[in-house]
PDB file of all heavy atoms in Angstrom:
ATOM      1  N   PRO A   1      97.349  98.986 112.127  1.00  0.00           N
ATOM      2  CA  PRO A   1      98.207 100.116 111.818  1.00  0.00           C
ATOM      3  C   PRO A   1      98.833  99.886 110.412  1.00  0.00           C
ATOM      4  O   PRO A   1      98.751  98.798 109.820  1.00  0.00           O
ATOM      5  CB  PRO A   1      99.344  99.952 112.880  1.00  0.00           C
ATOM      6  CG  PRO A   1      99.329  98.540 113.366  1.00  0.00           C
ATOM      7  CD  PRO A   1      97.815  98.105 113.143  1.00  0.00           C
ATOM      8  N   CYS A   2      99.432 100.962 109.905  1.00  0.00           N
ATOM      9  CA  CYS A   2     100.113 100.873 108.595  1.00  0.00           C
ATOM     10  C   CYS A   2      99.241 100.656 107.407  1.00  0.00           C
ATOM     11  O   CYS A   2      99.718 100.088 106.376  1.00  0.00           O
ATOM     12  CB  CYS A   2     101.314  99.926 108.653  1.00  0.00           C
ATOM     13  SG  CYS A   2     102.517 100.290 109.896  1.00  0.00           S
ATOM     14  N   LYS A   3      98.000 101.046 107.439  1.00  0.00           N
ATOM     15  CA  LYS A   3      97.107 100.811 106.353  1.00  0.00           C
ATOM     16  C   LYS A   3      97.629 101.424 105.092  1.00  0.00           C
ATOM     17  O   LYS A   3      98.236 102.508 105.122  1.00  0.00           O
ATOM     18  CB  LYS A   3      95.714 101.465 106.679  1.00  0.00           C
ATOM     19  CG  LYS A   3      94.903 100.728 107.774  1.00  0.00           C
ATOM     20  CD  LYS A   3      93.640 101.442 108.012  1.00  0.00           C
ATOM     21  CE  LYS A   3      92.943 100.794 109.153  1.00  0.00           C
ATOM     22  NZ  LYS A   3      91.589 101.383 109.348  1.00  0.00           N
ATOM     23  N   ASN A   4      97.481 100.691 103.991  1.00  0.00           N
ATOM     24  CA  ASN A   4      97.882 101.107 102.627  1.00  0.00           C
ATOM     25  C   ASN A   4      99.369 101.125 102.413  1.00  0.00           C
ATOM     26  O   ASN A   4      99.827 101.585 101.351  1.00  0.00           O
ATOM     27  CB  ASN A   4      97.185 102.430 102.270  1.00  0.00           C
ATOM     28  CG  ASN A   4      97.054 102.635 100.818  1.00  0.00           C
ATOM     29  OD1 ASN A   4      96.778 101.636 100.074  1.00  0.00           O
ATOM     30  ND2 ASN A   4      97.257 103.787 100.309  1.00  0.00           N
ATOM     31  N   ARG A   5     100.172 100.733 103.428  1.00  0.00           N
ATOM     32  CA  ARG A   5     101.589 100.705 103.250  1.00  0.00           C
ATOM     33  C   ARG A   5     101.974  99.424 102.363  1.00  0.00           C
ATOM     34  O   ARG A   5     101.179  98.499 102.275  1.00  0.00           O
ATOM     35  CB  ARG A   5     102.377 100.603 104.565  1.00  0.00           C
ATOM     36  CG  ARG A   5     102.127 101.815 105.440  1.00  0.00           C
ATOM     37  CD  ARG A   5     102.927 102.965 105.196  1.00  0.00           C
ATOM     38  NE  ARG A   5     104.387 102.701 105.120  1.00  0.00           N
ATOM     39  CZ  ARG A   5     105.162 102.785 106.234  1.00  0.00           C
ATOM     40  NH1 ARG A   5     104.677 103.107 107.399  1.00  0.00           N
ATOM     41  NH2 ARG A   5     106.440 102.490 106.109  1.00  0.00           N
ATOM     42  N   VAL A   6     103.102  99.419 101.811  1.00  0.00           N
ATOM     43  CA  VAL A   6     103.522  98.360 100.851  1.00  0.00           C
ATOM     44  C   VAL A   6     104.791  97.704 101.428  1.00  0.00           C
ATOM     45  O   VAL A   6     105.678  98.329 101.976  1.00  0.00           O
ATOM     46  CB  VAL A   6     103.829  98.964  99.504  1.00  0.00           C
ATOM     47  CG1 VAL A   6     104.418  97.875  98.620  1.00  0.00           C
ATOM     48  CG2 VAL A   6     102.605  99.574  98.895  1.00  0.00           C
ATOM     49  N   VAL A   7     104.762  96.328 101.309  1.00  0.00           N
ATOM     50  CA  VAL A   7     105.947  95.575 101.699  1.00  0.00           C
ATOM     51  C   VAL A   7     106.329  94.612 100.477  1.00  0.00           C
ATOM     52  O   VAL A   7     105.398  94.119  99.861  1.00  0.00           O
ATOM     53  CB  VAL A   7     105.620  94.660 102.951  1.00  0.00           C
ATOM     54  CG1 VAL A   7     106.840  93.815 103.271  1.00  0.00           C
ATOM     55  CG2 VAL A   7     105.210  95.498 104.104  1.00  0.00           C
ATOM     56  N   PHE A   8     107.594  94.496 100.261  1.00  0.00           N
ATOM     57  CA  PHE A   8     108.014  93.756  99.089  1.00  0.00           C
ATOM     58  C   PHE A   8     108.734  92.459  99.553  1.00  0.00           C
ATOM     59  O   PHE A   8     109.379  92.432 100.619  1.00  0.00           O
ATOM     60  CB  PHE A   8     108.974  94.586  98.244  1.00  0.00           C
ATOM     61  CG  PHE A   8     108.379  95.751  97.595  1.00  0.00           C
ATOM     62  CD1 PHE A   8     108.426  96.986  98.248  1.00  0.00           C
ATOM     63  CD2 PHE A   8     107.715  95.623  96.377  1.00  0.00           C
ATOM     64  CE1 PHE A   8     107.791  98.087  97.658  1.00  0.00           C
ATOM     65  CE2 PHE A   8     107.079  96.749  95.824  1.00  0.00           C
ATOM     66  CZ  PHE A   8     107.134  97.973  96.462  1.00  0.00           C
ATOM     67  N   GLU A   9     108.704  91.429  98.670  1.00  0.00           N
ATOM     68  CA  GLU A   9     109.440  90.202  98.921  1.00  0.00           C
ATOM     69  C   GLU A   9     109.895  89.669  97.605  1.00  0.00           C
ATOM     70  O   GLU A   9     109.182  89.753  96.567  1.00  0.00           O
ATOM     71  CB  GLU A   9     108.515  89.122  99.592  1.00  0.00           C
ATOM     72  CG  GLU A   9     109.171  87.837  99.773  1.00  0.00           C
ATOM     73  CD  GLU A   9     108.285  86.801 100.390  1.00  0.00           C
ATOM     74  OE1 GLU A   9     107.095  86.832 100.297  1.00  0.00           O
ATOM     75  OE2 GLU A   9     108.851  85.810 100.929  1.00  0.00           O
ATOM     76  N   ASP A  10     111.110  89.060  97.580  1.00  0.00           N
ATOM     77  CA  ASP A  10     111.626  88.425  96.368  1.00  0.00           C
ATOM     78  C   ASP A  10     111.588  86.927  96.640  1.00  0.00           C
ATOM     79  O   ASP A  10     112.156  86.432  97.680  1.00  0.00           O
ATOM     80  CB  ASP A  10     112.984  88.906  96.065  1.00  0.00           C
ATOM     81  CG  ASP A  10     113.051  90.348  95.525  1.00  0.00           C
ATOM     82  OD1 ASP A  10     112.049  90.780  94.943  1.00  0.00           O
ATOM     83  OD2 ASP A  10     114.079  91.042  95.741  1.00  0.00           O
ATOM     84  N   VAL A  11     111.102  86.145  95.672  1.00  0.00           N
ATOM     85  CA  VAL A  11     111.164  84.692  95.709  1.00  0.00           C
ATOM     86  C   VAL A  11     112.074  84.319  94.494  1.00  0.00           C
ATOM     87  O   VAL A  11     111.753  84.556  93.382  1.00  0.00           O
ATOM     88  CB  VAL A  11     109.786  84.032  95.576  1.00  0.00           C
ATOM     89  CG1 VAL A  11     109.870  82.567  95.494  1.00  0.00           C
ATOM     90  CG2 VAL A  11     108.870  84.434  96.739  1.00  0.00           C
ATOM     91  N   TRP A  12     113.229  83.734  94.866  1.00  0.00           N
ATOM     92  CA  TRP A  12     114.209  83.496  93.842  1.00  0.00           C
ATOM     93  C   TRP A  12     114.114  82.131  93.220  1.00  0.00           C
ATOM     94  O   TRP A  12     113.540  81.223  93.805  1.00  0.00           O
ATOM     95  CB  TRP A  12     115.635  83.598  94.469  1.00  0.00           C
ATOM     96  CG  TRP A  12     115.984  84.961  94.921  1.00  0.00           C
ATOM     97  CD1 TRP A  12     115.742  85.589  96.143  1.00  0.00           C
ATOM     98  CD2 TRP A  12     116.530  85.990  94.135  1.00  0.00           C
ATOM     99  NE1 TRP A  12     116.122  86.906  96.101  1.00  0.00           N
ATOM    100  CE2 TRP A  12     116.644  87.148  94.856  1.00  0.00           C
ATOM    101  CE3 TRP A  12     117.071  85.982  92.810  1.00  0.00           C
ATOM    102  CZ2 TRP A  12     117.181  88.370  94.420  1.00  0.00           C
ATOM    103  CZ3 TRP A  12     117.562  87.189  92.320  1.00  0.00           C
ATOM    104  CH2 TRP A  12     117.634  88.373  93.129  1.00  0.00           C
ATOM    105  N   ALA A  13     114.656  82.015  92.018  1.00  0.00           N
ATOM    106  CA  ALA A  13     114.677  80.673  91.321  1.00  0.00           C
ATOM    107  C   ALA A  13     115.648  79.779  92.153  1.00  0.00           C
ATOM    108  O   ALA A  13     116.569  80.248  92.739  1.00  0.00           O
ATOM    109  CB  ALA A  13     115.248  80.887  89.899  1.00  0.00           C
ATOM    110  N   GLU A  14     115.321  78.520  92.162  1.00  0.00           N
ATOM    111  CA  GLU A  14     116.165  77.571  92.938  1.00  0.00           C
ATOM    112  C   GLU A  14     117.519  77.417  92.294  1.00  0.00           C
ATOM    113  O   GLU A  14     117.676  77.428  91.044  1.00  0.00           O
ATOM    114  CB  GLU A  14     115.464  76.193  93.001  1.00  0.00           C
ATOM    115  CG  GLU A  14     114.124  76.292  93.789  1.00  0.00           C
ATOM    116  CD  GLU A  14     113.427  74.924  93.843  1.00  0.00           C
ATOM    117  OE1 GLU A  14     113.927  73.936  93.293  1.00  0.00           O
ATOM    118  OE2 GLU A  14     112.322  74.893  94.444  1.00  0.00           O
ATOM    119  N   ARG A  15     118.552  77.284  93.122  1.00  0.00           N
ATOM    120  CA  ARG A  15     119.862  77.129  92.588  1.00  0.00           C
ATOM    121  C   ARG A  15     120.093  75.851  91.808  1.00  0.00           C
ATOM    122  O   ARG A  15     120.605  75.856  90.723  1.00  0.00           O
ATOM    123  CB  ARG A  15     120.886  77.196  93.752  1.00  0.00           C
ATOM    124  CG  ARG A  15     122.295  77.139  93.307  1.00  0.00           C
ATOM    125  CD  ARG A  15     123.180  77.464  94.467  1.00  0.00           C
ATOM    126  NE  ARG A  15     122.993  78.911  94.814  1.00  0.00           N
ATOM    127  CZ  ARG A  15     123.534  79.435  95.877  1.00  0.00           C
ATOM    128  NH1 ARG A  15     124.306  78.752  96.671  1.00  0.00           N
ATOM    129  NH2 ARG A  15     123.265  80.738  96.085  1.00  0.00           N
ATOM    130  N   ASP A  16     119.610  74.733  92.351  1.00  0.00           N
ATOM    131  CA  ASP A  16     119.827  73.450  91.680  1.00  0.00           C
ATOM    132  C   ASP A  16     118.816  73.199  90.554  1.00  0.00           C
ATOM    133  O   ASP A  16     119.126  72.410  89.615  1.00  0.00           O
ATOM    134  CB  ASP A  16     119.692  72.271  92.715  1.00  0.00           C
ATOM    135  CG  ASP A  16     120.798  72.345  93.739  1.00  0.00           C
ATOM    136  OD1 ASP A  16     121.849  72.935  93.405  1.00  0.00           O
ATOM    137  OD2 ASP A  16     120.567  71.826  94.855  1.00  0.00           O
ATOM    138  N   HIS A  17     117.710  73.820  90.581  1.00  0.00           N
ATOM    139  CA  HIS A  17     116.663  73.672  89.506  1.00  0.00           C
ATOM    140  C   HIS A  17     116.154  75.146  89.201  1.00  0.00           C
ATOM    141  O   HIS A  17     115.035  75.493  89.545  1.00  0.00           O
ATOM    142  CB  HIS A  17     115.483  72.836  90.031  1.00  0.00           C
ATOM    143  CG  HIS A  17     115.899  71.458  90.428  1.00  0.00           C
ATOM    144  ND1 HIS A  17     116.113  70.492  89.508  1.00  0.00           N
ATOM    145  CD2 HIS A  17     116.131  70.956  91.611  1.00  0.00           C
ATOM    146  CE1 HIS A  17     116.495  69.392  90.107  1.00  0.00           C
ATOM    147  NE2 HIS A  17     116.493  69.588  91.395  1.00  0.00           N
ATOM    148  N   PRO A  18     116.895  75.859  88.384  1.00  0.00           N
ATOM    149  CA  PRO A  18     116.564  77.276  88.131  1.00  0.00           C
ATOM    150  C   PRO A  18     115.228  77.433  87.331  1.00  0.00           C
ATOM    151  O   PRO A  18     114.770  78.534  87.186  1.00  0.00           O
ATOM    152  CB  PRO A  18     117.742  77.787  87.337  1.00  0.00           C
ATOM    153  CG  PRO A  18     118.475  76.592  86.840  1.00  0.00           C
ATOM    154  CD  PRO A  18     118.154  75.499  87.739  1.00  0.00           C
ATOM    155  N   GLU A  19     114.727  76.332  86.791  1.00  0.00           N
ATOM    156  CA  GLU A  19     113.417  76.392  86.043  1.00  0.00           C
ATOM    157  C   GLU A  19     112.250  76.565  87.105  1.00  0.00           C
ATOM    158  O   GLU A  19     111.176  76.893  86.700  1.00  0.00           O
ATOM    159  CB  GLU A  19     113.169  75.172  85.159  1.00  0.00           C
ATOM    160  CG  GLU A  19     113.010  73.889  85.875  1.00  0.00           C
ATOM    161  CD  GLU A  19     114.326  73.145  86.267  1.00  0.00           C
ATOM    162  OE1 GLU A  19     115.389  73.713  86.234  1.00  0.00           O
ATOM    163  OE2 GLU A  19     114.208  71.973  86.536  1.00  0.00           O
ATOM    164  N   PHE A  20     112.505  76.361  88.356  1.00  0.00           N
ATOM    165  CA  PHE A  20     111.541  76.495  89.434  1.00  0.00           C
ATOM    166  C   PHE A  20     111.906  77.615  90.333  1.00  0.00           C
ATOM    167  O   PHE A  20     113.046  77.839  90.669  1.00  0.00           O
ATOM    168  CB  PHE A  20     111.401  75.227  90.261  1.00  0.00           C
ATOM    169  CG  PHE A  20     110.933  73.996  89.583  1.00  0.00           C
ATOM    170  CD1 PHE A  20     111.783  72.923  89.274  1.00  0.00           C
ATOM    171  CD2 PHE A  20     109.629  73.918  89.145  1.00  0.00           C
ATOM    172  CE1 PHE A  20     111.314  71.801  88.626  1.00  0.00           C
ATOM    173  CE2 PHE A  20     109.170  72.790  88.442  1.00  0.00           C
ATOM    174  CZ  PHE A  20     109.992  71.759  88.182  1.00  0.00           C
ATOM    175  N   PHE A  21     110.861  78.341  90.820  1.00  0.00           N
ATOM    176  CA  PHE A  21     111.013  79.363  91.871  1.00  0.00           C
ATOM    177  C   PHE A  21     110.869  78.612  93.178  1.00  0.00           C
ATOM    178  O   PHE A  21     110.322  77.488  93.212  1.00  0.00           O
ATOM    179  CB  PHE A  21     110.036  80.455  91.702  1.00  0.00           C
ATOM    180  CG  PHE A  21     110.347  81.330  90.490  1.00  0.00           C
ATOM    181  CD1 PHE A  21     109.735  81.046  89.308  1.00  0.00           C
ATOM    182  CD2 PHE A  21     111.252  82.367  90.555  1.00  0.00           C
ATOM    183  CE1 PHE A  21     110.062  81.795  88.137  1.00  0.00           C
ATOM    184  CE2 PHE A  21     111.550  83.079  89.478  1.00  0.00           C
ATOM    185  CZ  PHE A  21     110.914  82.865  88.234  1.00  0.00           C
ATOM    186  N   ASN A  22     111.417  79.114  94.261  1.00  0.00           N
ATOM    187  CA  ASN A  22     111.431  78.439  95.515  1.00  0.00           C
ATOM    188  C   ASN A  22     110.073  77.789  95.818  1.00  0.00           C
ATOM    189  O   ASN A  22     109.142  78.475  96.166  1.00  0.00           O
ATOM    190  CB  ASN A  22     111.773  79.505  96.644  1.00  0.00           C
ATOM    191  CG  ASN A  22     111.931  78.889  97.987  1.00  0.00           C
ATOM    192  OD1 ASN A  22     111.299  77.930  98.366  1.00  0.00           O
ATOM    193  ND2 ASN A  22     112.796  79.511  98.760  1.00  0.00           N
ATOM    194  N   ARG A  23     110.008  76.520  95.577  1.00  0.00           N
ATOM    195  CA  ARG A  23     108.738  75.770  95.682  1.00  0.00           C
ATOM    196  C   ARG A  23     108.233  75.744  97.069  1.00  0.00           C
ATOM    197  O   ARG A  23     106.985  75.797  97.262  1.00  0.00           O
ATOM    198  CB  ARG A  23     108.961  74.353  95.106  1.00  0.00           C
ATOM    199  CG  ARG A  23     109.091  74.328  93.604  1.00  0.00           C
ATOM    200  CD  ARG A  23     109.412  72.979  93.133  1.00  0.00           C
ATOM    201  NE  ARG A  23     110.847  72.720  93.250  1.00  0.00           N
ATOM    202  CZ  ARG A  23     111.496  71.706  92.689  1.00  0.00           C
ATOM    203  NH1 ARG A  23     110.785  70.813  91.989  1.00  0.00           N
ATOM    204  NH2 ARG A  23     112.743  71.539  92.826  1.00  0.00           N
ATOM    205  N   LYS A  24     109.041  75.695  98.088  1.00  0.00           N
ATOM    206  CA  LYS A  24     108.588  75.682  99.434  1.00  0.00           C
ATOM    207  C   LYS A  24     107.903  77.003  99.758  1.00  0.00           C
ATOM    208  O   LYS A  24     106.766  77.039 100.311  1.00  0.00           O
ATOM    209  CB  LYS A  24     109.720  75.459 100.399  1.00  0.00           C
ATOM    210  CG  LYS A  24     109.331  75.429 101.825  1.00  0.00           C
ATOM    211  CD  LYS A  24     110.501  75.161 102.780  1.00  0.00           C
ATOM    212  CE  LYS A  24     110.008  75.132 104.226  1.00  0.00           C
ATOM    213  NZ  LYS A  24     111.108  75.011 105.191  1.00  0.00           N
ATOM    214  N   ARG A  25     108.474  78.113  99.369  1.00  0.00           N
ATOM    215  CA  ARG A  25     107.888  79.413  99.625  1.00  0.00           C
ATOM    216  C   ARG A  25     106.564  79.578  98.895  1.00  0.00           C
ATOM    217  O   ARG A  25     105.590  80.098  99.423  1.00  0.00           O
ATOM    218  CB  ARG A  25     108.968  80.472  99.231  1.00  0.00           C
ATOM    219  CG  ARG A  25     108.663  81.852  99.872  1.00  0.00           C
ATOM    220  CD  ARG A  25     108.898  81.818 101.348  1.00  0.00           C
ATOM    221  NE  ARG A  25     108.908  83.187 101.826  1.00  0.00           N
ATOM    222  CZ  ARG A  25     108.805  83.449 103.125  1.00  0.00           C
ATOM    223  NH1 ARG A  25     108.764  82.507 104.022  1.00  0.00           N
ATOM    224  NH2 ARG A  25     108.748  84.698 103.484  1.00  0.00           N
ATOM    225  N   LEU A  26     106.541  79.175  97.571  1.00  0.00           N
ATOM    226  CA  LEU A  26     105.309  79.342  96.859  1.00  0.00           C
ATOM    227  C   LEU A  26     104.208  78.365  97.395  1.00  0.00           C
ATOM    228  O   LEU A  26     103.072  78.844  97.438  1.00  0.00           O
ATOM    229  CB  LEU A  26     105.559  78.994  95.397  1.00  0.00           C
ATOM    230  CG  LEU A  26     106.321  80.043  94.591  1.00  0.00           C
ATOM    231  CD1 LEU A  26     106.579  79.575  93.172  1.00  0.00           C
ATOM    232  CD2 LEU A  26     105.666  81.386  94.565  1.00  0.00           C
ATOM    233  N   ASN A  27     104.553  77.213  97.885  1.00  0.00           N
ATOM    234  CA  ASN A  27     103.599  76.373  98.451  1.00  0.00           C
ATOM    235  C   ASN A  27     103.047  76.946  99.752  1.00  0.00           C
ATOM    236  O   ASN A  27     101.865  76.796 100.091  1.00  0.00           O
ATOM    237  CB  ASN A  27     104.190  74.950  98.727  1.00  0.00           C
ATOM    238  CG  ASN A  27     104.097  74.079  97.507  1.00  0.00           C
ATOM    239  OD1 ASN A  27     103.064  74.080  96.808  1.00  0.00           O
ATOM    240  ND2 ASN A  27     105.152  73.357  97.230  1.00  0.00           N
ATOM    241  N   GLN A  28     103.899  77.613 100.520  1.00  0.00           N
ATOM    242  CA  GLN A  28     103.425  78.289 101.783  1.00  0.00           C
ATOM    243  C   GLN A  28     102.485  79.395 101.363  1.00  0.00           C
ATOM    244  O   GLN A  28     101.437  79.552 102.057  1.00  0.00           O
ATOM    245  CB  GLN A  28     104.626  78.850 102.525  1.00  0.00           C
ATOM    246  CG  GLN A  28     105.521  77.802 103.132  1.00  0.00           C
ATOM    247  CD  GLN A  28     106.772  78.346 103.743  1.00  0.00           C
ATOM    248  OE1 GLN A  28     107.197  79.461 103.394  1.00  0.00           O
ATOM    249  NE2 GLN A  28     107.407  77.580 104.574  1.00  0.00           N
ATOM    250  N   LEU A  29     102.722  80.184 100.337  1.00  0.00           N
ATOM    251  CA  LEU A  29     101.877  81.235  99.886  1.00  0.00           C
ATOM    252  C   LEU A  29     100.497  80.651  99.411  1.00  0.00           C
ATOM    253  O   LEU A  29      99.439  81.158  99.781  1.00  0.00           O
ATOM    254  CB  LEU A  29     102.526  81.989  98.724  1.00  0.00           C
ATOM    255  CG  LEU A  29     103.192  83.306  99.086  1.00  0.00           C
ATOM    256  CD1 LEU A  29     103.944  83.832  97.845  1.00  0.00           C
ATOM    257  CD2 LEU A  29     102.270  84.288  99.665  1.00  0.00           C
ATOM    258  N   MET A  30     100.615  79.620  98.578  1.00  0.00           N
ATOM    259  CA  MET A  30      99.365  79.041  98.054  1.00  0.00           C
ATOM    260  C   MET A  30      98.570  78.328  99.160  1.00  0.00           C
ATOM    261  O   MET A  30      97.344  78.233  99.124  1.00  0.00           O
ATOM    262  CB  MET A  30      99.660  78.091  96.918  1.00  0.00           C
ATOM    263  CG  MET A  30     100.088  78.748  95.649  1.00  0.00           C
ATOM    264  SD  MET A  30     100.299  77.710  94.288  1.00  0.00           S
ATOM    265  CE  MET A  30     101.853  76.899  94.610  1.00  0.00           C
ATOM    266  N   GLY A  31      99.274  77.860 100.160  1.00  0.00           N
ATOM    267  CA  GLY A  31      98.566  77.220 101.345  1.00  0.00           C
ATOM    268  C   GLY A  31      97.707  78.150 102.156  1.00  0.00           C
ATOM    269  O   GLY A  31      96.873  77.722 102.913  1.00  0.00           O
ATOM    270  N   THR A  32      97.872  79.491 101.978  1.00  0.00           N
ATOM    271  CA  THR A  32      97.010  80.432 102.620  1.00  0.00           C
ATOM    272  C   THR A  32      95.680  80.601 101.948  1.00  0.00           C
ATOM    273  O   THR A  32      94.733  81.235 102.465  1.00  0.00           O
ATOM    274  CB  THR A  32      97.654  81.815 102.727  1.00  0.00           C
ATOM    275  OG1 THR A  32      97.797  82.350 101.405  1.00  0.00           O
ATOM    276  CG2 THR A  32      99.016  81.756 103.465  1.00  0.00           C
TER     277      THR A  32
END
């Protein structure tokens, strides 16, 4: 269902290390 529909997600820069975006979330994405 829902072919061609769009879903959005924001991955924020880390609070303690703003030079990095949420590394856990990006690693989960790359792990796919």
